[in-house]
């Protein structure tokens, strides 16, 4: 396993990490979580991602129970969680980053995770109704209290992140250090566009999510939606249009010869492609079975085999033009 610096912090994260979205509680109980987390940890994974909203808080509970059973030395791994959506349909309890929500949110997450602190705490989405200064102060206080060690953002715009950094610098507060954006072959415009100059100037880290585009890039949806997959889960019907999109499926099929050339699975190729971006600190992987964990962890080896020529072939399949081509 290779380890990368998390932006300009002193924290080093495994280039492949493990997340609980969708799977924990919905597809995996505590015993399965223990098995998959053990496999990831033994492959060198040191970062485990969660969020209060996943499975309505139950994902955090499953991970907390799993970590309790595993009994790993706390300093040997990193855990993150995210706050914004809330668990209750009530004013000040959902869709906000006000001080009350953030402090109550971290307290609830720590209780479910059975931890004294998380290593990374994210603002899960931007909040147009709360002044960013209020959010920055609350996150600073949470870090000062030792309930989180670093904080970051998820799916914020570059302008919003820069404003938060500048507020923190002006008041000598703990500033955000990491963004958690979606990044895969179908969703690359923001990380490869608006964020580039921003990452270069501010040294922001990234923990990217959905590298397989909810499983689409694994190739398992090329002939429909199999039973037991994410696309067949109750509550995830919104994924159906994406997973059956003929144009997208055609692009996935066009990747198969490249995966075969690299002696890789489709999933390994998609993960390895994400790792080729130098602004990616870690790629958050997911799995519902331990076999998938072992498969995913080989992506680092595949990334070393991907040449600039292969990257260009992939760009052609996905209709991505280079800047010099755009200028012609």
Protein backbone atom coordinates (compact mmCIF):
# COMPACT_ATOMS: atom_id res chain seq x y z
CA UNK A 1 0.00 0.00 0.00
CA UNK A 2 1.22 3.48 -0.85
CA UNK A 3 0.53 6.40 1.46
CA UNK A 4 -0.06 9.97 0.39
CA UNK A 5 0.09 13.23 2.27
CA UNK A 6 -3.36 14.65 3.06
CA UNK A 7 -2.87 18.01 1.38
CA UNK A 8 -0.49 20.19 3.39
CA UNK A 9 -1.18 18.43 6.68
CA UNK A 10 1.26 16.05 8.32
CA UNK A 11 -1.33 13.28 8.06
CA UNK A 12 -0.62 10.36 5.71
CA UNK A 13 -3.49 8.33 4.30
CA UNK A 14 -3.50 5.04 2.41
CA UNK A 15 -4.09 5.76 -1.28
CA UNK A 16 -7.01 3.31 -1.14
CA UNK A 17 -9.41 3.65 1.78
CA UNK A 18 -12.65 1.96 2.85
CA UNK A 19 -16.09 3.55 3.13
CA UNK A 20 -19.39 2.38 4.57
CA UNK A 21 -21.91 4.23 2.38
CA UNK A 22 -24.83 2.02 1.27
CA UNK A 23 -23.32 -1.22 2.58
CA UNK A 24 -23.11 -0.97 6.37
CA UNK A 25 -26.44 -2.00 7.91
CA UNK A 26 -28.15 -2.15 4.50
CA UNK A 27 -25.99 -4.97 3.12
CA UNK A 28 -23.50 -5.75 5.87
CA UNK A 29 -23.97 -6.30 9.59
CA UNK A 30 -21.30 -6.13 12.26
CA UNK A 31 -19.74 -9.51 11.48
CA UNK A 32 -19.45 -8.73 7.77
CA UNK A 33 -18.07 -5.29 8.59
CA UNK A 34 -15.42 -6.87 10.81
CA UNK A 35 -14.43 -9.25 8.01
CA UNK A 36 -14.20 -6.53 5.34
CA UNK A 37 -12.45 -3.99 7.55
CA UNK A 38 -9.95 -6.63 8.63
CA UNK A 39 -9.17 -7.43 4.99
CA UNK A 40 -8.73 -3.74 4.16
CA UNK A 41 -6.56 -3.13 7.24
CA UNK A 42 -4.34 -6.10 6.43
CA UNK A 43 -3.85 -4.68 2.94
CA UNK A 44 -2.58 -1.46 4.55
CA UNK A 45 -5.74 0.65 4.59
CA UNK A 46 -5.59 3.16 7.44
CA UNK A 47 -8.62 5.35 6.63
CA UNK A 48 -12.27 4.38 7.17
CA UNK A 49 -15.02 6.76 6.05
CA UNK A 50 -18.55 7.18 7.40
CA UNK A 51 -21.32 9.78 7.82
CA UNK A 52 -24.14 10.33 10.27
CA UNK A 53 -26.75 10.12 7.48
CA UNK A 54 -25.63 6.71 6.18
CA UNK A 55 -28.42 4.25 7.00
CA UNK A 56 -29.88 6.88 9.34
CA UNK A 57 -26.98 6.65 11.78
CA UNK A 58 -26.86 2.85 11.78
CA UNK A 59 -23.76 2.76 9.57
CA UNK A 60 -21.81 4.57 12.30
CA UNK A 61 -23.19 2.13 14.88
CA UNK A 62 -22.09 -0.87 12.81
CA UNK A 63 -18.60 0.57 12.34
CA UNK A 64 -18.36 1.41 16.03
CA UNK A 65 -19.28 -2.14 17.04
CA UNK A 66 -16.89 -3.56 14.46
CA UNK A 67 -13.98 -1.45 15.70
CA UNK A 68 -14.78 -2.43 19.28
CA UNK A 69 -14.57 -6.10 18.31
CA UNK A 70 -11.38 -5.59 16.31
CA UNK A 71 -9.60 -3.82 19.16
CA UNK A 72 -7.04 -2.15 16.93
CA UNK A 73 -4.67 0.40 18.44
CA UNK A 74 -6.50 3.71 17.98
CA UNK A 75 -3.45 5.51 16.63
CA UNK A 76 -3.08 2.94 13.83
CA UNK A 77 -6.14 4.03 11.84
CA UNK A 78 -8.19 7.07 10.86
CA UNK A 79 -11.96 7.45 10.98
CA UNK A 80 -14.03 10.20 9.42
CA UNK A 81 -17.64 11.18 9.58
CA UNK A 82 -19.78 13.89 8.00
CA UNK A 83 -22.53 16.20 9.23
CA UNK A 84 -25.24 18.15 7.42
CA UNK A 85 -28.33 16.13 6.48
CA UNK A 86 -29.30 15.20 10.04
CA UNK A 87 -31.35 12.27 11.30
CA UNK A 88 -34.64 14.02 12.12
CA UNK A 89 -37.09 15.89 9.94
CA UNK A 90 -37.25 19.01 12.06
CA UNK A 91 -36.02 22.60 11.94
CA UNK A 92 -32.38 22.98 13.11
CA UNK A 93 -31.97 19.20 12.91
CA UNK A 94 -31.50 18.76 9.17
CA UNK A 95 -29.81 20.37 6.16
CA UNK A 96 -27.83 22.92 8.12
CA UNK A 97 -24.32 23.70 9.33
CA UNK A 98 -25.30 26.01 12.15
CA UNK A 99 -23.41 25.79 15.42
CA UNK A 100 -26.15 23.86 17.21
CA UNK A 101 -26.40 21.20 14.49
CA UNK A 102 -22.65 20.69 14.20
CA UNK A 103 -22.03 20.32 17.92
CA UNK A 104 -25.03 18.07 18.50
CA UNK A 105 -24.09 16.16 15.35
CA UNK A 106 -20.53 15.35 16.41
CA UNK A 107 -21.72 14.33 19.87
CA UNK A 108 -24.21 11.89 18.32
CA UNK A 109 -21.66 10.49 15.89
CA UNK A 110 -19.09 9.88 18.60
CA UNK A 111 -21.68 8.08 20.70
CA UNK A 112 -22.63 5.78 17.80
CA UNK A 113 -18.99 5.18 16.83
CA UNK A 114 -18.07 4.62 20.51
CA UNK A 115 -15.11 6.96 20.13
CA UNK A 116 -13.64 9.93 21.94
CA UNK A 117 -12.80 11.65 18.66
CA UNK A 118 -12.81 11.27 14.88
CA UNK A 119 -9.72 12.06 12.85
CA UNK A 120 -11.59 13.92 10.11
CA UNK A 121 -14.93 15.71 10.33
CA UNK A 122 -16.59 16.98 7.17
CA UNK A 123 -19.33 19.47 6.47
CA UNK A 124 -21.26 17.10 4.22
CA UNK A 125 -22.68 19.81 1.94
CA UNK A 126 -22.53 23.63 1.85
CA UNK A 127 -25.28 25.52 3.69
CA UNK A 128 -26.57 28.67 2.02
CA UNK A 129 -28.58 29.67 5.11
CA UNK A 130 -25.76 29.70 7.68
CA UNK A 131 -22.91 32.23 7.48
CA UNK A 132 -19.69 30.40 6.67
CA UNK A 133 -18.05 32.25 9.57
CA UNK A 134 -20.43 30.57 12.03
CA UNK A 135 -19.59 27.16 10.58
CA UNK A 136 -15.84 27.82 10.68
CA UNK A 137 -15.98 28.90 14.34
CA UNK A 138 -18.01 25.81 15.32
CA UNK A 139 -15.62 23.45 13.53
CA UNK A 140 -12.67 25.23 15.16
CA UNK A 141 -14.24 24.74 18.58
CA UNK A 142 -14.92 21.05 17.91
CA UNK A 143 -11.23 20.58 17.11
CA UNK A 144 -10.16 22.61 20.15
CA UNK A 145 -12.32 20.33 22.32
CA UNK A 146 -10.54 17.29 20.86
CA UNK A 147 -13.67 15.79 19.30
CA UNK A 148 -12.10 15.95 15.82
CA UNK A 149 -8.48 16.41 14.77
CA UNK A 150 -8.99 17.94 11.30
CA UNK A 151 -11.98 19.24 9.40
CA UNK A 152 -12.96 19.50 5.80
CA UNK A 153 -15.73 19.94 3.27
CA UNK A 154 -17.68 17.71 0.90
CA UNK A 155 -19.06 18.91 -2.43
CA UNK A 156 -18.41 22.57 -1.65
CA UNK A 157 -17.55 24.94 -4.45
CA UNK A 158 -14.01 26.27 -4.72
CA UNK A 159 -15.29 29.76 -3.83
CA UNK A 160 -16.98 28.50 -0.64
CA UNK A 161 -13.87 26.60 0.44
CA UNK A 162 -11.62 29.58 -0.18
CA UNK A 163 -13.96 31.80 1.85
CA UNK A 164 -13.81 29.33 4.77
CA UNK A 165 -10.00 29.19 4.58
CA UNK A 166 -9.72 32.97 4.50
CA UNK A 167 -12.08 33.41 7.46
CA UNK A 168 -10.06 30.88 9.45
CA UNK A 169 -6.76 32.55 8.57
CA UNK A 170 -8.12 35.99 9.45
CA UNK A 171 -9.20 34.85 12.91
CA UNK A 172 -6.33 32.36 13.46
CA UNK A 173 -8.73 29.41 13.57
CA UNK A 174 -8.33 25.81 12.47
CA UNK A 175 -9.04 25.91 8.74
CA UNK A 176 -10.48 23.19 6.52
CA UNK A 177 -7.78 20.99 4.99
CA UNK A 178 -9.59 18.43 2.82
CA UNK A 179 -12.46 18.12 0.34
CA UNK A 180 -14.46 14.96 -0.33
CA UNK A 181 -15.68 15.26 -3.94
CA UNK A 182 -17.19 12.67 -6.21
CA UNK A 183 -14.58 11.58 -8.74
CA UNK A 184 -14.76 8.93 -11.41
CA UNK A 185 -14.62 8.58 -15.18
CA UNK A 186 -18.13 10.03 -15.49
CA UNK A 187 -17.73 12.76 -12.84
CA UNK A 188 -14.43 14.55 -13.33
CA UNK A 189 -15.18 18.13 -14.38
CA UNK A 190 -14.97 19.74 -10.95
CA UNK A 191 -11.83 18.05 -9.65
CA UNK A 192 -10.06 18.44 -12.99
CA UNK A 193 -11.45 21.92 -13.59
CA UNK A 194 -12.46 24.44 -10.91
CA UNK A 195 -10.42 22.76 -8.22
CA UNK A 196 -7.03 22.49 -9.96
CA UNK A 197 -5.73 26.00 -9.31
CA UNK A 198 -7.31 25.86 -5.89
CA UNK A 199 -5.46 22.64 -4.96
CA UNK A 200 -2.21 24.05 -6.29
CA UNK A 201 -2.46 27.34 -4.36
CA UNK A 202 -3.95 26.05 -1.10
CA UNK A 203 -2.64 22.50 -1.00
CA UNK A 204 -6.06 21.11 -0.12
CA UNK A 205 -6.32 17.32 0.26
CA UNK A 206 -8.97 15.11 -1.32
CA UNK A 207 -10.69 11.92 -0.21
CA UNK A 208 -12.68 11.06 -3.33
CA UNK A 209 -15.89 9.03 -3.33
CA UNK A 210 -17.86 6.89 -5.81
CA UNK A 211 -14.85 5.83 -7.93
CA UNK A 212 -17.00 3.14 -9.58
CA UNK A 213 -19.96 5.50 -10.20
CA UNK A 214 -22.19 3.43 -7.88
CA UNK A 215 -20.92 0.23 -9.50
CA UNK A 216 -21.57 1.26 -13.10
CA UNK A 217 -17.85 1.19 -13.97
CA UNK A 218 -17.48 -2.34 -12.58
CA UNK A 219 -19.29 -3.65 -15.65
CA UNK A 220 -21.80 -5.64 -13.60
CA UNK A 221 -24.72 -3.58 -14.93
CA UNK A 222 -23.88 -4.08 -18.60
CA UNK A 223 -26.67 -6.65 -18.98
CA UNK A 224 -29.20 -5.26 -16.52
CA UNK A 225 -29.48 -4.84 -12.75
CA UNK A 226 -28.59 -8.08 -10.93
CA UNK A 227 -30.32 -9.07 -7.72
CA UNK A 228 -28.43 -8.18 -4.55
CA UNK A 229 -26.59 -5.25 -6.10
CA UNK A 230 -26.83 -1.63 -5.08
CA UNK A 231 -29.13 -0.88 -8.00
CA UNK A 232 -31.64 -3.42 -6.72
CA UNK A 233 -31.73 -2.11 -3.15
CA UNK A 234 -34.91 -0.58 -1.79
CA UNK A 235 -34.45 3.18 -1.43
CA UNK A 236 -31.91 3.39 -4.26
CA UNK A 237 -34.39 3.42 -7.13
CA UNK A 238 -32.98 6.83 -8.08
CA UNK A 239 -29.89 5.03 -9.39
CA UNK A 240 -31.80 3.04 -11.99
CA UNK A 241 -31.69 5.65 -14.76
CA UNK A 242 -27.91 5.97 -14.43
CA UNK A 243 -27.27 2.24 -14.22
CA UNK A 244 -29.33 1.56 -17.36
CA UNK A 245 -28.11 4.53 -19.41
CA UNK A 246 -27.18 3.05 -22.79
CA UNK A 247 -24.63 5.73 -23.68
CA UNK A 248 -22.80 5.26 -20.39
CA UNK A 249 -22.93 1.48 -20.63
CA UNK A 250 -21.40 1.69 -24.10
CA UNK A 251 -18.42 3.58 -22.68
CA UNK A 252 -18.02 1.02 -19.92
CA UNK A 253 -18.02 -1.78 -22.49
CA UNK A 254 -15.37 0.06 -24.50
CA UNK A 255 -13.07 -0.10 -21.46
CA UNK A 256 -13.08 -3.90 -21.40
CA UNK A 257 -10.20 -4.37 -23.90
CA UNK A 258 -8.04 -1.96 -21.85
CA UNK A 259 -8.78 -3.84 -18.63
CA UNK A 260 -7.94 -7.11 -20.38
CA UNK A 261 -4.65 -5.68 -21.68
CA UNK A 262 -3.72 -4.66 -18.12
CA UNK A 263 -4.86 -8.01 -16.70
CA UNK A 264 -7.25 -6.11 -14.47
CA UNK A 265 -10.91 -6.27 -13.60
CA UNK A 266 -13.09 -3.37 -14.64
CA UNK A 267 -13.30 -2.23 -11.01
CA UNK A 268 -9.53 -2.28 -10.63
CA UNK A 269 -9.11 -0.22 -13.80
CA UNK A 270 -11.63 2.41 -12.63
CA UNK A 271 -9.95 2.70 -9.23
CA UNK A 272 -6.46 2.78 -10.75
CA UNK A 273 -7.50 5.58 -13.10
CA UNK A 274 -8.52 7.71 -10.08
CA UNK A 275 -5.14 7.07 -8.47
CA UNK A 276 -3.35 8.56 -11.48
CA UNK A 277 -4.56 12.04 -10.48
CA UNK A 278 -1.85 13.65 -8.30
CA UNK A 279 -4.45 15.78 -6.48
CA UNK A 280 -6.16 12.66 -5.09
CA UNK A 281 -5.04 11.90 -1.53
CA UNK A 282 -7.08 8.71 -1.23
CA UNK A 283 -9.77 6.88 -3.18
CA UNK A 284 -12.62 5.67 -0.97
CA UNK A 285 -13.60 2.14 -1.99
CA UNK A 286 -16.73 0.26 -0.99
CA UNK A 287 -17.66 -3.42 -0.84
CA UNK A 288 -20.50 -5.67 0.23
CA UNK A 289 -18.33 -8.82 0.26
CA UNK A 290 -14.79 -9.45 1.45
CA UNK A 291 -13.83 -10.78 -1.99
CA UNK A 292 -14.48 -7.30 -3.40
CA UNK A 293 -12.12 -5.79 -0.83
CA UNK A 294 -9.29 -8.07 -1.94
CA UNK A 295 -10.03 -7.26 -5.59
CA UNK A 296 -10.11 -3.49 -5.02
CA UNK A 297 -6.85 -3.44 -3.08
CA UNK A 298 -4.92 -4.57 -6.18
CA UNK A 299 -5.77 -1.29 -7.96
CA UNK A 300 -2.51 0.31 -6.83
CA UNK A 301 -0.55 -2.30 -8.77
CA UNK A 302 -2.69 -1.67 -11.86
CA UNK A 303 -2.16 2.09 -11.59
CA UNK A 304 1.58 1.55 -12.02
CA UNK A 305 0.89 -0.17 -15.36
CA UNK A 306 -1.25 2.63 -16.79
CA UNK A 307 0.82 4.65 -19.25
CA UNK A 308 0.06 8.13 -20.65
CA UNK A 309 -0.98 6.38 -23.87
CA UNK A 310 -3.57 4.31 -22.01
CA UNK A 311 -4.83 7.44 -20.23
CA UNK A 312 -5.29 9.02 -23.67
CA UNK A 313 -7.20 5.97 -24.90
CA UNK A 314 -9.55 6.28 -21.94
CA UNK A 315 -10.03 10.00 -22.60
CA UNK A 316 -11.02 9.22 -26.19
CA UNK A 317 -13.64 6.71 -25.01
CA UNK A 318 -15.15 9.27 -22.67
CA UNK A 319 -14.96 12.12 -25.16
CA UNK A 320 -12.51 14.20 -23.13
CA UNK A 321 -10.43 16.65 -25.16
CA UNK A 322 -7.06 18.00 -24.11
CA UNK A 323 -6.62 21.75 -23.74
CA UNK A 324 -4.51 21.99 -26.89
CA UNK A 325 -7.25 20.19 -28.81
CA UNK A 326 -9.84 22.65 -27.50
CA UNK A 327 -7.70 25.52 -28.75
CA UNK A 328 -7.60 24.20 -32.34
